[in-house]
Amino acid sequence: MTVEVNDVPGANRYEGRVDGESRVAGVAEYIRTPELVAFVHTEVAPEYEGKGVGSALVRSALDDARASGLRVLATCPFFAGWIARHPEYQDLLYQSRSKVSD
């Protein structure tokens, strides 16, 4: 099974399709700024769960973020859990740089 992932900026999401099918098997929704991309929701159709669609979405989205020089805010639990299991992507995580003054 091959998962093809495409960014659809007009819909603010990545879409995954399996084996060239026209039907969307899964999506990863995001909010993007010039410095940051926040991944807010990931959903995979029930018949594709456990078949690598979600992982393909996350990997493609994070590879795109890295190539674009963007930091990542993983508010989606699926994204956060996937990154926690793949340390090679943890350097992308957004770290707040604001300081509280006394």
PDB file of N, CA and C in Angstrom:
ATOM      1  N   MET A   1       0.851  -1.181   0.000  1.00  0.00           N
ATOM      2  CA  MET A   1       0.000   0.000   0.000  1.00  0.00           C
ATOM      3  C   MET A   1       0.893   1.240   0.000  1.00  0.00           C
ATOM      4  N   THR A   2       0.613   2.150  -0.898  1.00  0.00           N
ATOM      5  CA  THR A   2       1.357   3.399  -1.014  1.00  0.00           C
ATOM      6  C   THR A   2       0.458   4.558  -0.612  1.00  0.00           C
ATOM      7  N   VAL A   3       0.980   5.427   0.263  1.00  0.00           N
ATOM      8  CA  VAL A   3       0.231   6.610   0.691  1.00  0.00           C
ATOM      9  C   VAL A   3       0.883   7.830   0.056  1.00  0.00           C
ATOM     10  N   GLU A   4       0.104   8.582  -0.700  1.00  0.00           N
ATOM     11  CA  GLU A   4       0.566   9.833  -1.296  1.00  0.00           C
ATOM     12  C   GLU A   4      -0.014  10.977  -0.487  1.00  0.00           C
ATOM     13  N   VAL A   5       0.868  11.880  -0.046  1.00  0.00           N
ATOM     14  CA  VAL A   5       0.446  13.010   0.782  1.00  0.00           C
ATOM     15  C   VAL A   5       0.700  14.303   0.019  1.00  0.00           C
ATOM     16  N   ASN A   6      -0.303  15.175   0.016  1.00  0.00           N
ATOM     17  CA  ASN A   6      -0.190  16.477  -0.638  1.00  0.00           C
ATOM     18  C   ASN A   6      -0.665  17.573   0.307  1.00  0.00           C
ATOM     19  N   ASP A   7       0.048  18.698   0.268  1.00  0.00           N
ATOM     20  CA  ASP A   7      -0.375  19.881   1.002  1.00  0.00           C
ATOM     21  C   ASP A   7      -1.437  20.579   0.166  1.00  0.00           C
ATOM     22  N   VAL A   8      -2.529  20.948   0.811  1.00  0.00           N
ATOM     23  CA  VAL A   8      -3.614  21.684   0.157  1.00  0.00           C
ATOM     24  C   VAL A   8      -3.771  22.993   0.926  1.00  0.00           C
ATOM     25  N   PRO A   9      -2.922  24.004   0.598  1.00  0.00           N
ATOM     26  CA  PRO A   9      -2.922  25.252   1.371  1.00  0.00           C
ATOM     27  C   PRO A   9      -4.281  25.946   1.436  1.00  0.00           C
ATOM     28  N   GLY A  10      -5.060  25.877   0.378  1.00  0.00           N
ATOM     29  CA  GLY A  10      -6.371  26.527   0.381  1.00  0.00           C
ATOM     30  C   GLY A  10      -7.320  25.952   1.408  1.00  0.00           C
ATOM     31  N   ALA A  11      -7.092  24.693   1.790  1.00  0.00           N
ATOM     32  CA  ALA A  11      -7.921  24.033   2.799  1.00  0.00           C
ATOM     33  C   ALA A  11      -7.201  23.935   4.149  1.00  0.00           C
ATOM     34  N   ASN A  12      -5.952  24.446   4.209  1.00  0.00           N
ATOM     35  CA  ASN A  12      -5.151  24.381   5.436  1.00  0.00           C
ATOM     36  C   ASN A  12      -5.023  22.957   5.962  1.00  0.00           C
ATOM     37  N   ARG A  13      -4.674  22.047   5.055  1.00  0.00           N
ATOM     38  CA  ARG A  13      -4.510  20.663   5.486  1.00  0.00           C
ATOM     39  C   ARG A  13      -3.662  19.872   4.499  1.00  0.00           C
ATOM     40  N   TYR A  14      -3.119  18.800   5.026  1.00  0.00           N
ATOM     41  CA  TYR A  14      -2.470  17.787   4.198  1.00  0.00           C
ATOM     42  C   TYR A  14      -3.490  16.689   3.974  1.00  0.00           C
ATOM     43  N   GLU A  15      -3.501  16.143   2.770  1.00  0.00           N
ATOM     44  CA  GLU A  15      -4.421  15.057   2.452  1.00  0.00           C
ATOM     45  C   GLU A  15      -3.621  13.828   2.046  1.00  0.00           C
ATOM     46  N   GLY A  16      -4.045  12.681   2.548  1.00  0.00           N
ATOM     47  CA  GLY A  16      -3.407  11.418   2.197  1.00  0.00           C
ATOM     48  C   GLY A  16      -4.360  10.562   1.380  1.00  0.00           C
ATOM     49  N   ARG A  17      -3.836  10.014   0.298  1.00  0.00           N
ATOM     50  CA  ARG A  17      -4.611   9.103  -0.547  1.00  0.00           C
ATOM     51  C   ARG A  17      -3.824   7.805  -0.698  1.00  0.00           C
ATOM     52  N   VAL A  18      -4.545   6.703  -0.798  1.00  0.00           N
ATOM     53  CA  VAL A  18      -3.925   5.388  -0.841  1.00  0.00           C
ATOM     54  C   VAL A  18      -3.987   4.818  -2.254  1.00  0.00           C
ATOM     55  N   ASP A  19      -2.838   4.337  -2.728  1.00  0.00           N
ATOM     56  CA  ASP A  19      -2.740   3.631  -4.007  1.00  0.00           C
ATOM     57  C   ASP A  19      -3.418   4.357  -5.170  1.00  0.00           C
ATOM     58  N   GLY A  20      -3.266   5.677  -5.201  1.00  0.00           N
ATOM     59  CA  GLY A  20      -3.783   6.458  -6.320  1.00  0.00           C
ATOM     60  C   GLY A  20      -5.284   6.676  -6.327  1.00  0.00           C
ATOM     61  N   GLU A  21      -5.977   6.292  -5.277  1.00  0.00           N
ATOM     62  CA  GLU A  21      -7.427   6.502  -5.213  1.00  0.00           C
ATOM     63  C   GLU A  21      -7.736   7.998  -5.150  1.00  0.00           C
ATOM     64  N   SER A  22      -8.895   8.374  -5.639  1.00  0.00           N
ATOM     65  CA  SER A  22      -9.285   9.785  -5.582  1.00  0.00           C
ATOM     66  C   SER A  22      -9.830  10.147  -4.195  1.00  0.00           C
ATOM     67  N   ARG A  23     -10.327   9.174  -3.479  1.00  0.00           N
ATOM     68  CA  ARG A  23     -10.900   9.404  -2.147  1.00  0.00           C
ATOM     69  C   ARG A  23      -9.792   9.723  -1.143  1.00  0.00           C
ATOM     70  N   VAL A  24     -10.041  10.709  -0.295  1.00  0.00           N
ATOM     71  CA  VAL A  24      -9.091  11.087   0.748  1.00  0.00           C
ATOM     72  C   VAL A  24      -9.187  10.061   1.881  1.00  0.00           C
ATOM     73  N   ALA A  25      -8.029   9.472   2.238  1.00  0.00           N
ATOM     74  CA  ALA A  25      -7.984   8.461   3.292  1.00  0.00           C
ATOM     75  C   ALA A  25      -7.728   9.088   4.656  1.00  0.00           C
ATOM     76  N   GLY A  26      -7.099  10.269   4.666  1.00  0.00           N
ATOM     77  CA  GLY A  26      -6.813  10.939   5.925  1.00  0.00           C
ATOM     78  C   GLY A  26      -6.396  12.375   5.701  1.00  0.00           C
ATOM     79  N   VAL A  27      -6.539  13.193   6.752  1.00  0.00           N
ATOM     80  CA  VAL A  27      -6.163  14.604   6.678  1.00  0.00           C
ATOM     81  C   VAL A  27      -5.443  15.025   7.955  1.00  0.00           C
ATOM     82  N   ALA A  28      -4.567  16.002   7.799  1.00  0.00           N
ATOM     83  CA  ALA A  28      -3.902  16.648   8.928  1.00  0.00           C
ATOM     84  C   ALA A  28      -4.115  18.144   8.754  1.00  0.00           C
ATOM     85  N   GLU A  29      -4.920  18.728   9.622  1.00  0.00           N
ATOM     86  CA  GLU A  29      -5.266  20.143   9.520  1.00  0.00           C
ATOM     87  C   GLU A  29      -4.243  20.995  10.276  1.00  0.00           C
ATOM     88  N   TYR A  30      -3.980  22.189   9.741  1.00  0.00           N
ATOM     89  CA  TYR A  30      -2.971  23.054  10.353  1.00  0.00           C
ATOM     90  C   TYR A  30      -3.343  24.520  10.270  1.00  0.00           C
ATOM     91  N   ILE A  31      -2.655  25.312  11.078  1.00  0.00           N
ATOM     92  CA  ILE A  31      -2.686  26.774  11.014  1.00  0.00           C
ATOM     93  C   ILE A  31      -1.240  27.190  10.821  1.00  0.00           C
ATOM     94  N   ARG A  32      -0.974  27.975   9.791  1.00  0.00           N
ATOM     95  CA  ARG A  32       0.412  28.339   9.461  1.00  0.00           C
ATOM     96  C   ARG A  32       0.612  29.842   9.554  1.00  0.00           C
ATOM     97  N   THR A  33       1.726  30.228  10.157  1.00  0.00           N
ATOM     98  CA  THR A  33       2.170  31.619  10.177  1.00  0.00           C
ATOM     99  C   THR A  33       3.523  31.646   9.467  1.00  0.00           C
ATOM    100  N   PRO A  34       4.130  32.809   9.283  1.00  0.00           N
ATOM    101  CA  PRO A  34       5.446  32.837   8.627  1.00  0.00           C
ATOM    102  C   PRO A  34       6.543  32.098   9.397  1.00  0.00           C
ATOM    103  N   GLU A  35       6.390  31.923  10.711  1.00  0.00           N
ATOM    104  CA  GLU A  35       7.429  31.270  11.511  1.00  0.00           C
ATOM    105  C   GLU A  35       7.035  29.912  12.074  1.00  0.00           C
ATOM    106  N   LEU A  36       5.741  29.604  12.070  1.00  0.00           N
ATOM    107  CA  LEU A  36       5.235  28.469  12.828  1.00  0.00           C
ATOM    108  C   LEU A  36       4.108  27.771  12.087  1.00  0.00           C
ATOM    109  N   VAL A  37       4.036  26.448  12.255  1.00  0.00           N
ATOM    110  CA  VAL A  37       2.865  25.707  11.786  1.00  0.00           C
ATOM    111  C   VAL A  37       2.336  24.905  12.971  1.00  0.00           C
ATOM    112  N   ALA A  38       1.052  25.090  13.259  1.00  0.00           N
ATOM    113  CA  ALA A  38       0.397  24.370  14.349  1.00  0.00           C
ATOM    114  C   ALA A  38      -0.478  23.285  13.740  1.00  0.00           C
ATOM    115  N   PHE A  39      -0.219  22.055  14.138  1.00  0.00           N
ATOM    116  CA  PHE A  39      -1.034  20.934  13.665  1.00  0.00           C
ATOM    117  C   PHE A  39      -2.124  20.697  14.699  1.00  0.00           C
ATOM    118  N   VAL A  40      -3.374  20.905  14.268  1.00  0.00           N
ATOM    119  CA  VAL A  40      -4.479  20.971  15.209  1.00  0.00           C
ATOM    120  C   VAL A  40      -5.407  19.754  15.189  1.00  0.00           C
ATOM    121  N   HIS A  41      -5.415  19.004  14.099  1.00  0.00           N
ATOM    122  CA  HIS A  41      -6.334  17.867  14.029  1.00  0.00           C
ATOM    123  C   HIS A  41      -5.881  16.908  12.934  1.00  0.00           C
ATOM    124  N   THR A  42      -5.898  15.634  13.255  1.00  0.00           N
ATOM    125  CA  THR A  42      -5.601  14.588  12.285  1.00  0.00           C
ATOM    126  C   THR A  42      -6.731  13.581  12.321  1.00  0.00           C
ATOM    127  N   GLU A  43      -7.168  13.166  11.142  1.00  0.00           N
ATOM    128  CA  GLU A  43      -8.251  12.198  11.070  1.00  0.00           C
ATOM    129  C   GLU A  43      -7.991  11.235   9.916  1.00  0.00           C
ATOM    130  N   VAL A  44      -8.156   9.948  10.193  1.00  0.00           N
ATOM    131  CA  VAL A  44      -7.991   8.906   9.184  1.00  0.00           C
ATOM    132  C   VAL A  44      -9.308   8.153   9.080  1.00  0.00           C
ATOM    133  N   ALA A  45      -9.752   7.886   7.847  1.00  0.00           N
ATOM    134  CA  ALA A  45     -10.989   7.134   7.640  1.00  0.00           C
ATOM    135  C   ALA A  45     -10.858   5.761   8.312  1.00  0.00           C
ATOM    136  N   PRO A  46     -11.925   5.282   8.938  1.00  0.00           N
ATOM    137  CA  PRO A  46     -11.863   4.025   9.699  1.00  0.00           C
ATOM    138  C   PRO A  46     -11.249   2.851   8.933  1.00  0.00           C
ATOM    139  N   GLU A  47     -11.542   2.728   7.667  1.00  0.00           N
ATOM    140  CA  GLU A  47     -11.029   1.587   6.897  1.00  0.00           C
ATOM    141  C   GLU A  47      -9.522   1.666   6.640  1.00  0.00           C
ATOM    142  N   TYR A  48      -8.910   2.829   6.929  1.00  0.00           N
ATOM    143  CA  TYR A  48      -7.465   2.991   6.732  1.00  0.00           C
ATOM    144  C   TYR A  48      -6.700   3.088   8.047  1.00  0.00           C
ATOM    145  N   GLU A  49      -7.389   3.033   9.164  1.00  0.00           N
ATOM    146  CA  GLU A  49      -6.716   3.124  10.455  1.00  0.00           C
ATOM    147  C   GLU A  49      -5.757   1.953  10.628  1.00  0.00           C
ATOM    148  N   GLY A  50      -4.585   2.249  11.195  1.00  0.00           N
ATOM    149  CA  GLY A  50      -3.596   1.211  11.436  1.00  0.00           C
ATOM    150  C   GLY A  50      -2.821   0.769  10.217  1.00  0.00           C
ATOM    151  N   LYS A  51      -2.955   1.492   9.115  1.00  0.00           N
ATOM    152  CA  LYS A  51      -2.287   1.106   7.867  1.00  0.00           C
ATOM    153  C   LYS A  51      -1.216   2.103   7.439  1.00  0.00           C
ATOM    154  N   GLY A  52      -0.843   3.014   8.342  1.00  0.00           N
ATOM    155  CA  GLY A  52       0.248   3.931   8.049  1.00  0.00           C
ATOM    156  C   GLY A  52      -0.139   5.259   7.429  1.00  0.00           C
ATOM    157  N   VAL A  53      -1.420   5.509   7.263  1.00  0.00           N
ATOM    158  CA  VAL A  53      -1.860   6.772   6.657  1.00  0.00           C
ATOM    159  C   VAL A  53      -1.528   7.940   7.591  1.00  0.00           C
ATOM    160  N   GLY A  54      -1.857   7.813   8.866  1.00  0.00           N
ATOM    161  CA  GLY A  54      -1.569   8.884   9.827  1.00  0.00           C
ATOM    162  C   GLY A  54      -0.081   9.176   9.914  1.00  0.00           C
ATOM    163  N   SER A  55       0.728   8.131   9.978  1.00  0.00           N
ATOM    164  CA  SER A  55       2.185   8.323  10.040  1.00  0.00           C
ATOM    165  C   SER A  55       2.711   8.999   8.787  1.00  0.00           C
ATOM    166  N   ALA A  56       2.181   8.632   7.625  1.00  0.00           N
ATOM    167  CA  ALA A  56       2.613   9.268   6.379  1.00  0.00           C
ATOM    168  C   ALA A  56       2.249  10.747   6.370  1.00  0.00           C
ATOM    169  N   LEU A  57       1.075  11.083   6.885  1.00  0.00           N
ATOM    170  CA  LEU A  57       0.654  12.485   6.975  1.00  0.00           C
ATOM    171  C   LEU A  57       1.611  13.272   7.859  1.00  0.00           C
ATOM    172  N   VAL A  58       1.907  12.738   9.034  1.00  0.00           N
ATOM    173  CA  VAL A  58       2.777  13.437   9.981  1.00  0.00           C
ATOM    174  C   VAL A  58       4.179  13.603   9.396  1.00  0.00           C
ATOM    175  N   ARG A  59       4.743  12.526   8.887  1.00  0.00           N
ATOM    176  CA  ARG A  59       6.111  12.588   8.353  1.00  0.00           C
ATOM    177  C   ARG A  59       6.216  13.605   7.205  1.00  0.00           C
ATOM    178  N   SER A  60       5.270  13.581   6.283  1.00  0.00           N
ATOM    179  CA  SER A  60       5.304  14.539   5.161  1.00  0.00           C
ATOM    180  C   SER A  60       5.151  15.972   5.643  1.00  0.00           C
ATOM    181  N   ALA A  61       4.224  16.188   6.571  1.00  0.00           N
ATOM    182  CA  ALA A  61       3.990  17.541   7.095  1.00  0.00           C
ATOM    183  C   ALA A  61       5.226  18.059   7.826  1.00  0.00           C
ATOM    184  N   LEU A  62       5.858  17.203   8.628  1.00  0.00           N
ATOM    185  CA  LEU A  62       7.048  17.635   9.366  1.00  0.00           C
ATOM    186  C   LEU A  62       8.241  17.844   8.437  1.00  0.00           C
ATOM    187  N   ASP A  63       8.369  17.008   7.427  1.00  0.00           N
ATOM    188  CA  ASP A  63       9.442  17.203   6.450  1.00  0.00           C
ATOM    189  C   ASP A  63       9.261  18.536   5.717  1.00  0.00           C
ATOM    190  N   ASP A  64       8.001  18.873   5.385  1.00  0.00           N
ATOM    191  CA  ASP A  64       7.724  20.167   4.755  1.00  0.00           C
ATOM    192  C   ASP A  64       8.056  21.321   5.695  1.00  0.00           C
ATOM    193  N   ALA A  65       7.697  21.186   6.966  1.00  0.00           N
ATOM    194  CA  ALA A  65       7.998  22.238   7.950  1.00  0.00           C
ATOM    195  C   ALA A  65       9.504  22.443   8.044  1.00  0.00           C
ATOM    196  N   ARG A  66      10.255  21.357   8.099  1.00  0.00           N
ATOM    197  CA  ARG A  66      11.713  21.457   8.175  1.00  0.00           C
ATOM    198  C   ARG A  66      12.268  22.149   6.929  1.00  0.00           C
ATOM    199  N   ALA A  67      11.799  21.754   5.764  1.00  0.00           N
ATOM    200  CA  ALA A  67      12.280  22.338   4.510  1.00  0.00           C
ATOM    201  C   ALA A  67      11.956  23.825   4.414  1.00  0.00           C
ATOM    202  N   SER A  68      10.860  24.246   5.058  1.00  0.00           N
ATOM    203  CA  SER A  68      10.440  25.650   5.025  1.00  0.00           C
ATOM    204  C   SER A  68      11.005  26.459   6.186  1.00  0.00           C
ATOM    205  N   GLY A  69      11.740  25.821   7.071  1.00  0.00           N
ATOM    206  CA  GLY A  69      12.313  26.527   8.219  1.00  0.00           C
ATOM    207  C   GLY A  69      11.291  26.916   9.269  1.00  0.00           C
ATOM    208  N   LEU A  70      10.198  26.155   9.370  1.00  0.00           N
ATOM    209  CA  LEU A  70       9.131  26.468  10.315  1.00  0.00           C
ATOM    210  C   LEU A  70       9.271  25.665  11.598  1.00  0.00           C
ATOM    211  N   ARG A  71       8.916  26.279  12.713  1.00  0.00           N
ATOM    212  CA  ARG A  71       8.789  25.568  13.972  1.00  0.00           C
ATOM    213  C   ARG A  71       7.423  24.898  13.997  1.00  0.00           C
ATOM    214  N   VAL A  72       7.269  23.878  14.825  1.00  0.00           N
ATOM    215  CA  VAL A  72       6.043  23.082  14.872  1.00  0.00           C
ATOM    216  C   VAL A  72       5.432  23.150  16.263  1.00  0.00           C
ATOM    217  N   LEU A  73       4.136  23.415  16.295  1.00  0.00           N
ATOM    218  CA  LEU A  73       3.353  23.345  17.520  1.00  0.00           C
ATOM    219  C   LEU A  73       2.369  22.185  17.331  1.00  0.00           C
ATOM    220  N   ALA A  74       2.563  21.124  18.077  1.00  0.00           N
ATOM    221  CA  ALA A  74       1.753  19.912  17.907  1.00  0.00           C
ATOM    222  C   ALA A  74       0.633  19.886  18.939  1.00  0.00           C
ATOM    223  N   THR A  75      -0.460  20.596  18.662  1.00  0.00           N
ATOM    224  CA  THR A  75      -1.601  20.583  19.570  1.00  0.00           C
ATOM    225  C   THR A  75      -2.462  19.345  19.356  1.00  0.00           C
ATOM    226  N   CYS A  76      -2.350  18.737  18.195  1.00  0.00           N
ATOM    227  CA  CYS A  76      -3.061  17.491  17.906  1.00  0.00           C
ATOM    228  C   CYS A  76      -2.378  16.353  18.666  1.00  0.00           C
ATOM    229  N   PRO A  77      -3.118  15.576  19.463  1.00  0.00           N
ATOM    230  CA  PRO A  77      -2.517  14.483  20.224  1.00  0.00           C
ATOM    231  C   PRO A  77      -1.800  13.454  19.351  1.00  0.00           C
ATOM    232  N   PHE A  78      -2.313  13.196  18.155  1.00  0.00           N
ATOM    233  CA  PHE A  78      -1.659  12.226  17.274  1.00  0.00           C
ATOM    234  C   PHE A  78      -0.280  12.733  16.866  1.00  0.00           C
ATOM    235  N   PHE A  79      -0.197  14.000  16.460  1.00  0.00           N
ATOM    236  CA  PHE A  79       1.092  14.594  16.097  1.00  0.00           C
ATOM    237  C   PHE A  79       2.051  14.581  17.279  1.00  0.00           C
ATOM    238  N   ALA A  80       1.579  15.000  18.449  1.00  0.00           N
ATOM    239  CA  ALA A  80       2.428  15.063  19.635  1.00  0.00           C
ATOM    240  C   ALA A  80       2.971  13.680  19.989  1.00  0.00           C
ATOM    241  N   GLY A  81       2.117  12.673  19.953  1.00  0.00           N
ATOM    242  CA  GLY A  81       2.546  11.316  20.275  1.00  0.00           C
ATOM    243  C   GLY A  81       3.534  10.771  19.258  1.00  0.00           C
ATOM    244  N   TRP A  82       3.293  11.063  17.982  1.00  0.00           N
ATOM    245  CA  TRP A  82       4.186  10.586  16.925  1.00  0.00           C
ATOM    246  C   TRP A  82       5.571  11.215  17.074  1.00  0.00           C
ATOM    247  N   ILE A  83       5.601  12.512  17.324  1.00  0.00           N
ATOM    248  CA  ILE A  83       6.889  13.201  17.499  1.00  0.00           C
ATOM    249  C   ILE A  83       7.617  12.665  18.727  1.00  0.00           C
ATOM    250  N   ALA A  84       6.892  12.364  19.790  1.00  0.00           N
ATOM    251  CA  ALA A  84       7.518  11.828  21.001  1.00  0.00           C
ATOM    252  C   ALA A  84       8.203  10.489  20.720  1.00  0.00           C
ATOM    253  N   ARG A  85       7.669   9.725  19.775  1.00  0.00           N
ATOM    254  CA  ARG A  85       8.255   8.426  19.425  1.00  0.00           C
ATOM    255  C   ARG A  85       9.328   8.524  18.342  1.00  0.00           C
ATOM    256  N   HIS A  86       9.518   9.702  17.762  1.00  0.00           N
ATOM    257  CA  HIS A  86      10.494   9.897  16.680  1.00  0.00           C
ATOM    258  C   HIS A  86      11.394  11.087  17.024  1.00  0.00           C
ATOM    259  N   PRO A  87      12.422  10.854  17.827  1.00  0.00           N
ATOM    260  CA  PRO A  87      13.273  11.949  18.307  1.00  0.00           C
ATOM    261  C   PRO A  87      13.945  12.749  17.200  1.00  0.00           C
ATOM    262  N   GLU A  88      14.069  12.183  16.029  1.00  0.00           N
ATOM    263  CA  GLU A  88      14.704  12.919  14.930  1.00  0.00           C
ATOM    264  C   GLU A  88      13.878  14.126  14.476  1.00  0.00           C
ATOM    265  N   TYR A  89      12.643  14.247  14.958  1.00  0.00           N
ATOM    266  CA  TYR A  89      11.798  15.390  14.612  1.00  0.00           C
ATOM    267  C   TYR A  89      11.601  16.354  15.788  1.00  0.00           C
ATOM    268  N   GLN A  90      12.093  16.025  16.963  1.00  0.00           N
ATOM    269  CA  GLN A  90      11.841  16.848  18.142  1.00  0.00           C
ATOM    270  C   GLN A  90      12.494  18.223  18.071  1.00  0.00           C
ATOM    271  N   ASP A  91      13.524  18.365  17.248  1.00  0.00           N
ATOM    272  CA  ASP A  91      14.162  19.672  17.109  1.00  0.00           C
ATOM    273  C   ASP A  91      13.246  20.699  16.433  1.00  0.00           C
ATOM    274  N   LEU A  92      12.183  20.244  15.805  1.00  0.00           N
ATOM    275  CA  LEU A  92      11.244  21.153  15.137  1.00  0.00           C
ATOM    276  C   LEU A  92      10.258  21.803  16.098  1.00  0.00           C
ATOM    277  N   LEU A  93      10.122  21.234  17.299  1.00  0.00           N
ATOM    278  CA  LEU A  93       9.090  21.701  18.219  1.00  0.00           C
ATOM    279  C   LEU A  93       9.314  23.142  18.657  1.00  0.00           C
ATOM    280  N   TYR A  94       8.239  23.879  18.654  1.00  0.00           N
ATOM    281  CA  TYR A  94       8.245  25.274  19.086  1.00  0.00           C
ATOM    282  C   TYR A  94       8.500  25.350  20.581  1.00  0.00           C
ATOM    283  N   GLN A  95       9.391  26.238  20.960  1.00  0.00           N
ATOM    284  CA  GLN A  95       9.662  26.526  22.364  1.00  0.00           C
ATOM    285  C   GLN A  95       9.391  28.008  22.595  1.00  0.00           C
ATOM    286  N   SER A  96       8.523  28.311  23.530  1.00  0.00           N
ATOM    287  CA  SER A  96       8.223  29.703  23.836  1.00  0.00           C
ATOM    288  C   SER A  96       9.482  30.401  24.327  1.00  0.00           C
ATOM    289  N   ARG A  97       9.735  31.565  23.792  1.00  0.00           N
ATOM    290  CA  ARG A  97      10.921  32.327  24.179  1.00  0.00           C
ATOM    291  C   ARG A  97      10.573  33.536  25.037  1.00  0.00           C
ATOM    292  N   SER A  98       9.306  33.681  25.384  1.00  0.00           N
ATOM    293  CA  SER A  98       8.911  34.837  26.189  1.00  0.00           C
ATOM    294  C   SER A  98       9.315  34.614  27.647  1.00  0.00           C
ATOM    295  N   LYS A  99       9.643  35.698  28.314  1.00  0.00           N
ATOM    296  CA  LYS A  99      10.030  35.625  29.721  1.00  0.00           C
ATOM    297  C   LYS A  99       9.055  36.470  30.538  1.00  0.00           C
ATOM    298  N   VAL A 100       8.777  35.988  31.703  1.00  0.00           N
ATOM    299  CA  VAL A 100       7.935  36.731  32.624  1.00  0.00           C
ATOM    300  C   VAL A 100       8.838  37.588  33.470  1.00  0.00           C
ATOM    301  N   SER A 101       8.564  38.880  33.497  1.00  0.00           N
ATOM    302  CA  SER A 101       9.391  39.770  34.318  1.00  0.00           C
ATOM    303  C   SER A 101       8.717  40.001  35.671  1.00  0.00           C
ATOM    304  N   ASP A 102       9.537  40.251  36.672  1.00  0.00           N
ATOM    305  CA  ASP A 102       9.031  40.462  38.033  1.00  0.00           C
ATOM    306  C   ASP A 102       8.504  41.858  38.209  1.00  0.00           C
TER     307      ASP A 102
END
